[in-house]
Amino acid sequence: MKLTRVPEEPSPPIGILGGTFNPVHNAHLALAHAALDRLGLGAVLWIPAGQPPHRAAPRVAPADRLGLVQAAIASEPRFQLDASEVNNTAASYTVPTLERLRRQYGPTRPLVLLMGADAFLGLPGWYRWREIFDLAHIAVATRPGFPLVDFTPPLAGEFESRRLASADFSNTSAGGIYTFELVAGTVSATEVRGLIAAHAPDAALVPLLPPAVLDYIHQHSLYGH
């Protein structure tokens, strides 16, 4: 697929943040805020997966995971929620999602897929992974002092040929890779679920979850609360 050059005065890039969000937590919010501030994005589109293909189905219903994300992002007008995958009974794969978004936003709007370093290093195991570059840029958040290393050969070649020196997505609508350091604490969704199931006090959860998410969990008695 030939990359489409953007117009002289393009619309700002749209960041895309997908995941199970089981539950959405402060590290997700930190990544999305950093992307807005540092990548010149006009918005971040949050896309909860309905049926994640690479793991067991979450015990929390997709509608509740959607509600958790909605609660988490409500105070930031540049965050937008896409419920399409939750409403789809098919498995949620990245390339078909990006194809849908490309049809929605057209061929010239830059799309930027946001992900952490661990997810990026596992990219060659993703379904139709090379086609991602025909549809979007990728922005990879790394931890300070931990540059991307240990590439598999297919990914190493893509990284070297597509790496961008700056967060400038104005030349093409897709195809580049940009890395940026994210100074934020790590949060494990598995740890969060375990704490809630063990009836941990709110004081143990407040550093990990947005207040609105914790309220939603309480109100809907999620995760064995």
C-alpha atoms as a PDB file:
ATOM      1  CA  MET A   1       0.000   0.000   0.000  1.00  0.00           C
ATOM      2  CA  LYS A   2       1.428   3.380  -1.002  1.00  0.00           C
ATOM      3  CA  LEU A   3       1.544   5.922   1.807  1.00  0.00           C
ATOM      4  CA  THR A   4      -0.593   8.987   1.258  1.00  0.00           C
ATOM      5  CA  ARG A   5       0.996  12.362   1.800  1.00  0.00           C
ATOM      6  CA  VAL A   6      -0.981  14.636   4.070  1.00  0.00           C
ATOM      7  CA  PRO A   7      -2.319  18.028   2.921  1.00  0.00           C
ATOM      8  CA  GLU A   8      -0.382  21.245   3.510  1.00  0.00           C
ATOM      9  CA  GLU A   9      -2.626  22.077   6.469  1.00  0.00           C
ATOM     10  CA  PRO A  10      -3.515  18.638   7.823  1.00  0.00           C
ATOM     11  CA  SER A  11      -5.791  17.828  10.711  1.00  0.00           C
ATOM     12  CA  PRO A  12      -3.763  16.902  13.791  1.00  0.00           C
ATOM     13  CA  PRO A  13      -2.882  13.234  14.258  1.00  0.00           C
ATOM     14  CA  ILE A  14      -5.184  10.967  16.193  1.00  0.00           C
ATOM     15  CA  GLY A  15      -3.668   8.703  18.829  1.00  0.00           C
ATOM     16  CA  ILE A  16      -5.118   5.211  19.184  1.00  0.00           C
ATOM     17  CA  LEU A  17      -4.928   3.401  22.496  1.00  0.00           C
ATOM     18  CA  GLY A  18      -6.374  -0.100  22.585  1.00  0.00           C
ATOM     19  CA  GLY A  19      -6.419  -2.738  25.286  1.00  0.00           C
ATOM     20  CA  THR A  20      -8.582  -4.866  27.511  1.00  0.00           C
ATOM     21  CA  PHE A  21      -8.519  -2.140  30.210  1.00  0.00           C
ATOM     22  CA  ASN A  22      -9.329  -4.730  32.856  1.00  0.00           C
ATOM     23  CA  PRO A  23      -9.367  -2.370  34.655  1.00  0.00           C
ATOM     24  CA  VAL A  24      -8.127   0.880  33.159  1.00  0.00           C
ATOM     25  CA  HIS A  25      -5.500   2.295  35.531  1.00  0.00           C
ATOM     26  CA  ASN A  26      -3.198   5.249  36.111  1.00  0.00           C
ATOM     27  CA  ALA A  27      -0.434   3.969  33.824  1.00  0.00           C
ATOM     28  CA  HIS A  28      -2.886   3.977  30.909  1.00  0.00           C
ATOM     29  CA  LEU A  29      -3.826   7.562  31.745  1.00  0.00           C
ATOM     30  CA  ALA A  30      -0.166   8.582  32.038  1.00  0.00           C
ATOM     31  CA  LEU A  31       0.590   7.176  28.581  1.00  0.00           C
ATOM     32  CA  ALA A  32      -2.387   8.931  26.998  1.00  0.00           C
ATOM     33  CA  HIS A  33      -1.617  12.297  28.634  1.00  0.00           C
ATOM     34  CA  ALA A  34       2.061  12.090  27.665  1.00  0.00           C
ATOM     35  CA  ALA A  35       1.074  11.299  24.087  1.00  0.00           C
ATOM     36  CA  LEU A  36      -1.187  14.339  23.946  1.00  0.00           C
ATOM     37  CA  ASP A  37       1.487  16.616  25.364  1.00  0.00           C
ATOM     38  CA  ARG A  38       4.489  15.351  23.419  1.00  0.00           C
ATOM     39  CA  LEU A  39       3.263  13.954  20.111  1.00  0.00           C
ATOM     40  CA  GLY A  40       1.133  16.823  18.848  1.00  0.00           C
ATOM     41  CA  LEU A  41      -2.041  14.753  18.854  1.00  0.00           C
ATOM     42  CA  GLY A  42      -5.435  16.310  18.432  1.00  0.00           C
ATOM     43  CA  ALA A  43      -7.112  13.503  20.370  1.00  0.00           C
ATOM     44  CA  VAL A  44      -6.564  10.053  21.820  1.00  0.00           C
ATOM     45  CA  LEU A  45      -9.105   7.430  20.823  1.00  0.00           C
ATOM     46  CA  TRP A  46      -9.571   4.763  23.499  1.00  0.00           C
ATOM     47  CA  ILE A  47     -10.699   1.393  22.122  1.00  0.00           C
ATOM     48  CA  PRO A  48     -11.509  -1.315  24.682  1.00  0.00           C
ATOM     49  CA  ALA A  49     -11.223  -4.786  23.165  1.00  0.00           C
ATOM     50  CA  GLY A  50     -14.399  -6.794  23.092  1.00  0.00           C
ATOM     51  CA  GLN A  51     -12.931 -10.277  22.681  1.00  0.00           C
ATOM     52  CA  PRO A  52      -9.114 -10.152  23.052  1.00  0.00           C
ATOM     53  CA  PRO A  53      -7.689 -12.957  20.886  1.00  0.00           C
ATOM     54  CA  HIS A  54      -4.434 -13.641  22.776  1.00  0.00           C
ATOM     55  CA  ARG A  55      -5.784 -14.211  26.272  1.00  0.00           C
ATOM     56  CA  ALA A  56      -8.760 -15.661  28.101  1.00  0.00           C
ATOM     57  CA  ALA A  57     -11.887 -13.538  27.992  1.00  0.00           C
ATOM     58  CA  PRO A  58     -11.951 -11.088  30.914  1.00  0.00           C
ATOM     59  CA  ARG A  59     -14.363 -12.076  33.659  1.00  0.00           C
ATOM     60  CA  VAL A  60     -15.688  -8.516  33.752  1.00  0.00           C
ATOM     61  CA  ALA A  61     -18.238  -7.932  31.008  1.00  0.00           C
ATOM     62  CA  PRO A  62     -17.166  -5.807  28.023  1.00  0.00           C
ATOM     63  CA  ALA A  63     -19.884  -3.283  28.856  1.00  0.00           C
ATOM     64  CA  ASP A  64     -18.362  -2.749  32.289  1.00  0.00           C
ATOM     65  CA  ARG A  65     -14.849  -2.361  30.894  1.00  0.00           C
ATOM     66  CA  LEU A  66     -16.306   0.219  28.533  1.00  0.00           C
ATOM     67  CA  GLY A  67     -17.928   1.950  31.499  1.00  0.00           C
ATOM     68  CA  LEU A  68     -14.624   1.959  33.387  1.00  0.00           C
ATOM     69  CA  VAL A  69     -12.839   3.670  30.495  1.00  0.00           C
ATOM     70  CA  GLN A  70     -15.690   6.149  30.084  1.00  0.00           C
ATOM     71  CA  ALA A  71     -15.394   7.057  33.762  1.00  0.00           C
ATOM     72  CA  ALA A  72     -11.600   7.379  33.545  1.00  0.00           C
ATOM     73  CA  ILE A  73     -11.515   9.740  30.562  1.00  0.00           C
ATOM     74  CA  ALA A  74     -14.610  11.875  31.166  1.00  0.00           C
ATOM     75  CA  SER A  75     -12.681  14.904  32.457  1.00  0.00           C
ATOM     76  CA  GLU A  76     -10.396  15.225  29.390  1.00  0.00           C
ATOM     77  CA  PRO A  77     -12.223  16.485  26.274  1.00  0.00           C
ATOM     78  CA  ARG A  78      -9.394  15.352  24.011  1.00  0.00           C
ATOM     79  CA  PHE A  79      -9.973  11.735  25.055  1.00  0.00           C
ATOM     80  CA  GLN A  80     -12.603   9.950  22.962  1.00  0.00           C
ATOM     81  CA  LEU A  81     -14.196   6.539  23.462  1.00  0.00           C
ATOM     82  CA  ASP A  82     -14.736   4.070  20.624  1.00  0.00           C
ATOM     83  CA  ALA A  83     -17.168   1.294  21.570  1.00  0.00           C
ATOM     84  CA  SER A  84     -17.052  -0.528  18.239  1.00  0.00           C
ATOM     85  CA  GLU A  85     -14.894  -3.438  19.399  1.00  0.00           C
ATOM     86  CA  VAL A  86     -16.929  -3.975  22.555  1.00  0.00           C
ATOM     87  CA  ASN A  87     -20.075  -4.134  20.431  1.00  0.00           C
ATOM     88  CA  ASN A  88     -18.481  -6.618  18.024  1.00  0.00           C
ATOM     89  CA  THR A  89     -18.713 -10.343  18.765  1.00  0.00           C
ATOM     90  CA  ALA A  90     -15.627 -11.131  16.651  1.00  0.00           C
ATOM     91  CA  ALA A  91     -12.112 -11.194  18.100  1.00  0.00           C
ATOM     92  CA  SER A  92     -10.455  -7.774  18.318  1.00  0.00           C
ATOM     93  CA  TYR A  93      -7.370  -7.618  16.075  1.00  0.00           C
ATOM     94  CA  THR A  94      -5.400  -4.432  15.504  1.00  0.00           C
ATOM     95  CA  VAL A  95      -5.232  -4.432  11.697  1.00  0.00           C
ATOM     96  CA  PRO A  96      -8.999  -4.749  11.079  1.00  0.00           C
ATOM     97  CA  THR A  97      -9.548  -2.040  13.684  1.00  0.00           C
ATOM     98  CA  LEU A  98      -7.094   0.257  11.914  1.00  0.00           C
ATOM     99  CA  GLU A  99      -8.700  -0.526   8.563  1.00  0.00           C
ATOM    100  CA  ARG A 100     -12.033   0.566  10.003  1.00  0.00           C
ATOM    101  CA  LEU A 101     -10.515   3.772  11.394  1.00  0.00           C
ATOM    102  CA  ARG A 102      -8.781   4.494   8.099  1.00  0.00           C
ATOM    103  CA  ARG A 103     -12.139   4.267   6.320  1.00  0.00           C
ATOM    104  CA  GLN A 104     -13.626   6.539   8.968  1.00  0.00           C
ATOM    105  CA  TYR A 105     -10.920   9.230   8.948  1.00  0.00           C
ATOM    106  CA  GLY A 106      -9.811   8.990   5.332  1.00  0.00           C
ATOM    107  CA  PRO A 107      -6.421   8.304   3.726  1.00  0.00           C
ATOM    108  CA  THR A 108      -4.602  11.502   4.756  1.00  0.00           C
ATOM    109  CA  ARG A 109      -5.312  11.856   8.491  1.00  0.00           C
ATOM    110  CA  PRO A 110      -2.246  10.674  10.455  1.00  0.00           C
ATOM    111  CA  LEU A 111      -3.121   7.859  12.856  1.00  0.00           C
ATOM    112  CA  VAL A 112      -0.688   7.029  15.667  1.00  0.00           C
ATOM    113  CA  LEU A 113      -0.924   3.683  17.443  1.00  0.00           C
ATOM    114  CA  LEU A 114       0.242   4.072  21.046  1.00  0.00           C
ATOM    115  CA  MET A 115       1.916   1.205  22.882  1.00  0.00           C
ATOM    116  CA  GLY A 116       4.450   0.329  25.523  1.00  0.00           C
ATOM    117  CA  ALA A 117       7.859  -1.166  24.815  1.00  0.00           C
ATOM    118  CA  ASP A 118       6.902  -4.713  25.814  1.00  0.00           C
ATOM    119  CA  ALA A 119       3.966  -4.734  23.417  1.00  0.00           C
ATOM    120  CA  PHE A 120       6.111  -3.324  20.617  1.00  0.00           C
ATOM    121  CA  LEU A 121       8.824  -5.951  21.058  1.00  0.00           C
ATOM    122  CA  GLY A 122       6.134  -8.629  20.721  1.00  0.00           C
ATOM    123  CA  LEU A 123       4.753  -7.100  17.523  1.00  0.00           C
ATOM    124  CA  PRO A 124       5.942  -9.896  15.174  1.00  0.00           C
ATOM    125  CA  GLY A 125       3.522 -12.229  16.953  1.00  0.00           C
ATOM    126  CA  TRP A 126       0.545 -10.041  16.097  1.00  0.00           C
ATOM    127  CA  TYR A 127      -1.964 -10.882  13.385  1.00  0.00           C
ATOM    128  CA  ARG A 128      -0.917  -9.319  10.021  1.00  0.00           C
ATOM    129  CA  TRP A 129       1.522  -7.131  11.932  1.00  0.00           C
ATOM    130  CA  ARG A 130       3.419  -5.724   8.952  1.00  0.00           C
ATOM    131  CA  GLU A 131       0.187  -4.232   7.598  1.00  0.00           C
ATOM    132  CA  ILE A 132      -0.002  -1.947  10.616  1.00  0.00           C
ATOM    133  CA  PHE A 133       2.601   0.281   8.942  1.00  0.00           C
ATOM    134  CA  ASP A 134       0.329   0.760   5.921  1.00  0.00           C
ATOM    135  CA  LEU A 135      -2.382   2.098   8.208  1.00  0.00           C
ATOM    136  CA  ALA A 136      -0.764   4.018  11.077  1.00  0.00           C
ATOM    137  CA  HIS A 137       2.389   5.301  12.670  1.00  0.00           C
ATOM    138  CA  ILE A 138       3.510   3.670  15.921  1.00  0.00           C
ATOM    139  CA  ALA A 139       4.599   5.632  18.987  1.00  0.00           C
ATOM    140  CA  VAL A 140       6.387   3.509  21.589  1.00  0.00           C
ATOM    141  CA  ALA A 141       6.636   4.639  25.216  1.00  0.00           C
ATOM    142  CA  THR A 142       9.840   3.485  26.907  1.00  0.00           C
ATOM    143  CA  ARG A 143      10.993   3.784  30.502  1.00  0.00           C
ATOM    144  CA  PRO A 144      13.881   6.182  31.201  1.00  0.00           C
ATOM    145  CA  GLY A 145      17.182   4.351  30.984  1.00  0.00           C
ATOM    146  CA  PHE A 146      15.678   1.365  29.182  1.00  0.00           C
ATOM    147  CA  PRO A 147      16.038   1.892  25.422  1.00  0.00           C
ATOM    148  CA  LEU A 148      14.547  -0.585  23.018  1.00  0.00           C
ATOM    149  CA  VAL A 149      16.851  -3.580  22.582  1.00  0.00           C
ATOM    150  CA  ASP A 150      16.666  -7.309  21.826  1.00  0.00           C
ATOM    151  CA  PHE A 151      14.703  -6.967  18.599  1.00  0.00           C
ATOM    152  CA  THR A 152      13.829 -10.038  16.604  1.00  0.00           C
ATOM    153  CA  PRO A 153      15.319  -9.727  13.090  1.00  0.00           C
ATOM    154  CA  PRO A 154      12.042  -8.861  11.301  1.00  0.00           C
ATOM    155  CA  LEU A 155      11.233  -6.105  13.764  1.00  0.00           C
ATOM    156  CA  ALA A 156      14.815  -4.799  13.824  1.00  0.00           C
ATOM    157  CA  GLY A 157      14.659  -4.153  10.098  1.00  0.00           C
ATOM    158  CA  GLU A 158      11.358  -2.313  10.334  1.00  0.00           C
ATOM    159  CA  PHE A 159      12.589  -0.252  13.267  1.00  0.00           C
ATOM    160  CA  GLU A 160      15.759   0.871  11.524  1.00  0.00           C
ATOM    161  CA  SER A 161      14.044   1.799   8.275  1.00  0.00           C
ATOM    162  CA  ARG A 162      11.004   3.509   9.814  1.00  0.00           C
ATOM    163  CA  ARG A 163      12.358   5.250  12.910  1.00  0.00           C
ATOM    164  CA  LEU A 164      11.490   8.948  13.147  1.00  0.00           C
ATOM    165  CA  ALA A 165      13.909  11.425  14.678  1.00  0.00           C
ATOM    166  CA  SER A 166      11.087  13.614  15.986  1.00  0.00           C
ATOM    167  CA  ALA A 167       7.373  13.414  16.676  1.00  0.00           C
ATOM    168  CA  ASP A 168       6.552  14.864  13.298  1.00  0.00           C
ATOM    169  CA  PHE A 169       3.803  12.872  11.645  1.00  0.00           C
ATOM    170  CA  SER A 170       3.047  15.544   9.053  1.00  0.00           C
ATOM    171  CA  ASN A 171       4.841  13.991   6.072  1.00  0.00           C
ATOM    172  CA  THR A 172       2.773  10.822   5.722  1.00  0.00           C
ATOM    173  CA  SER A 173      -0.389   9.421   7.241  1.00  0.00           C
ATOM    174  CA  ALA A 174       1.278   6.166   8.361  1.00  0.00           C
ATOM    175  CA  GLY A 175       4.468   4.136   8.371  1.00  0.00           C
ATOM    176  CA  GLY A 176       6.787   5.728  10.941  1.00  0.00           C
ATOM    177  CA  ILE A 177       8.007   4.579  14.366  1.00  0.00           C
ATOM    178  CA  TYR A 178       8.738   7.100  17.105  1.00  0.00           C
ATOM    179  CA  THR A 179       9.975   6.339  20.618  1.00  0.00           C
ATOM    180  CA  PHE A 180       9.585   8.575  23.649  1.00  0.00           C
ATOM    181  CA  GLU A 181      10.433   8.161  27.310  1.00  0.00           C
ATOM    182  CA  LEU A 182       7.540   7.993  29.742  1.00  0.00           C
ATOM    183  CA  VAL A 183       8.277   8.886  33.348  1.00  0.00           C
ATOM    184  CA  ALA A 184       5.460   7.094  35.133  1.00  0.00           C
ATOM    185  CA  GLY A 185       5.092   4.290  37.609  1.00  0.00           C
ATOM    186  CA  THR A 186       4.114   0.865  36.355  1.00  0.00           C
ATOM    187  CA  VAL A 187       0.749  -0.581  37.278  1.00  0.00           C
ATOM    188  CA  SER A 188      -0.265  -4.221  36.906  1.00  0.00           C
ATOM    189  CA  ALA A 189      -3.931  -4.825  36.172  1.00  0.00           C
ATOM    190  CA  THR A 190      -3.480  -8.322  37.599  1.00  0.00           C
ATOM    191  CA  GLU A 191      -2.217  -6.803  40.855  1.00  0.00           C
ATOM    192  CA  VAL A 192      -5.143  -4.381  40.948  1.00  0.00           C
ATOM    193  CA  ARG A 193      -7.664  -7.179  40.475  1.00  0.00           C
ATOM    194  CA  GLY A 194      -5.965  -9.202  43.205  1.00  0.00           C
ATOM    195  CA  LEU A 195      -6.054  -6.306  45.658  1.00  0.00           C
ATOM    196  CA  ILE A 196      -9.745  -5.703  45.031  1.00  0.00           C
ATOM    197  CA  ALA A 197     -10.582  -9.396  45.373  1.00  0.00           C
ATOM    198  CA  ALA A 198      -8.687  -9.433  48.683  1.00  0.00           C
ATOM    199  CA  HIS A 199     -10.781  -6.465  49.896  1.00  0.00           C
ATOM    200  CA  ALA A 200      -7.802  -4.152  50.098  1.00  0.00           C
ATOM    201  CA  PRO A 201      -8.597  -0.708  51.538  1.00  0.00           C
ATOM    202  CA  ASP A 202      -9.116   2.172  49.161  1.00  0.00           C
ATOM    203  CA  ALA A 203      -5.841   3.678  50.390  1.00  0.00           C
ATOM    204  CA  ALA A 204      -3.998   0.824  48.629  1.00  0.00           C
ATOM    205  CA  LEU A 205      -5.919   1.374  45.384  1.00  0.00           C
ATOM    206  CA  VAL A 206      -5.925   5.158  45.095  1.00  0.00           C
ATOM    207  CA  PRO A 207      -2.302   5.284  43.815  1.00  0.00           C
ATOM    208  CA  LEU A 208      -3.201   2.782  41.090  1.00  0.00           C
ATOM    209  CA  LEU A 209      -6.639   3.806  39.834  1.00  0.00           C
ATOM    210  CA  PRO A 210      -8.355   7.056  38.838  1.00  0.00           C
ATOM    211  CA  PRO A 211     -10.938   8.000  41.508  1.00  0.00           C
ATOM    212  CA  ALA A 212     -13.818   7.700  39.034  1.00  0.00           C
ATOM    213  CA  VAL A 213     -12.723   4.155  38.155  1.00  0.00           C
ATOM    214  CA  LEU A 214     -12.563   3.148  41.804  1.00  0.00           C
ATOM    215  CA  ASP A 215     -16.052   4.585  42.308  1.00  0.00           C
ATOM    216  CA  TYR A 216     -17.360   2.608  39.331  1.00  0.00           C
ATOM    217  CA  ILE A 217     -15.843  -0.592  40.696  1.00  0.00           C
ATOM    218  CA  HIS A 218     -17.516   0.003  44.050  1.00  0.00           C
ATOM    219  CA  GLN A 219     -20.872   0.871  42.522  1.00  0.00           C
ATOM    220  CA  HIS A 220     -20.945  -2.195  40.263  1.00  0.00           C
ATOM    221  CA  SER A 221     -19.240  -4.629  42.663  1.00  0.00           C
ATOM    222  CA  LEU A 222     -16.581  -5.646  40.153  1.00  0.00           C
ATOM    223  CA  TYR A 223     -13.585  -7.959  40.624  1.00  0.00           C
ATOM    224  CA  GLY A 224     -15.054  -9.735  43.606  1.00  0.00           C
ATOM    225  CA  HIS A 225     -15.387  -6.527  45.586  1.00  0.00           C
END
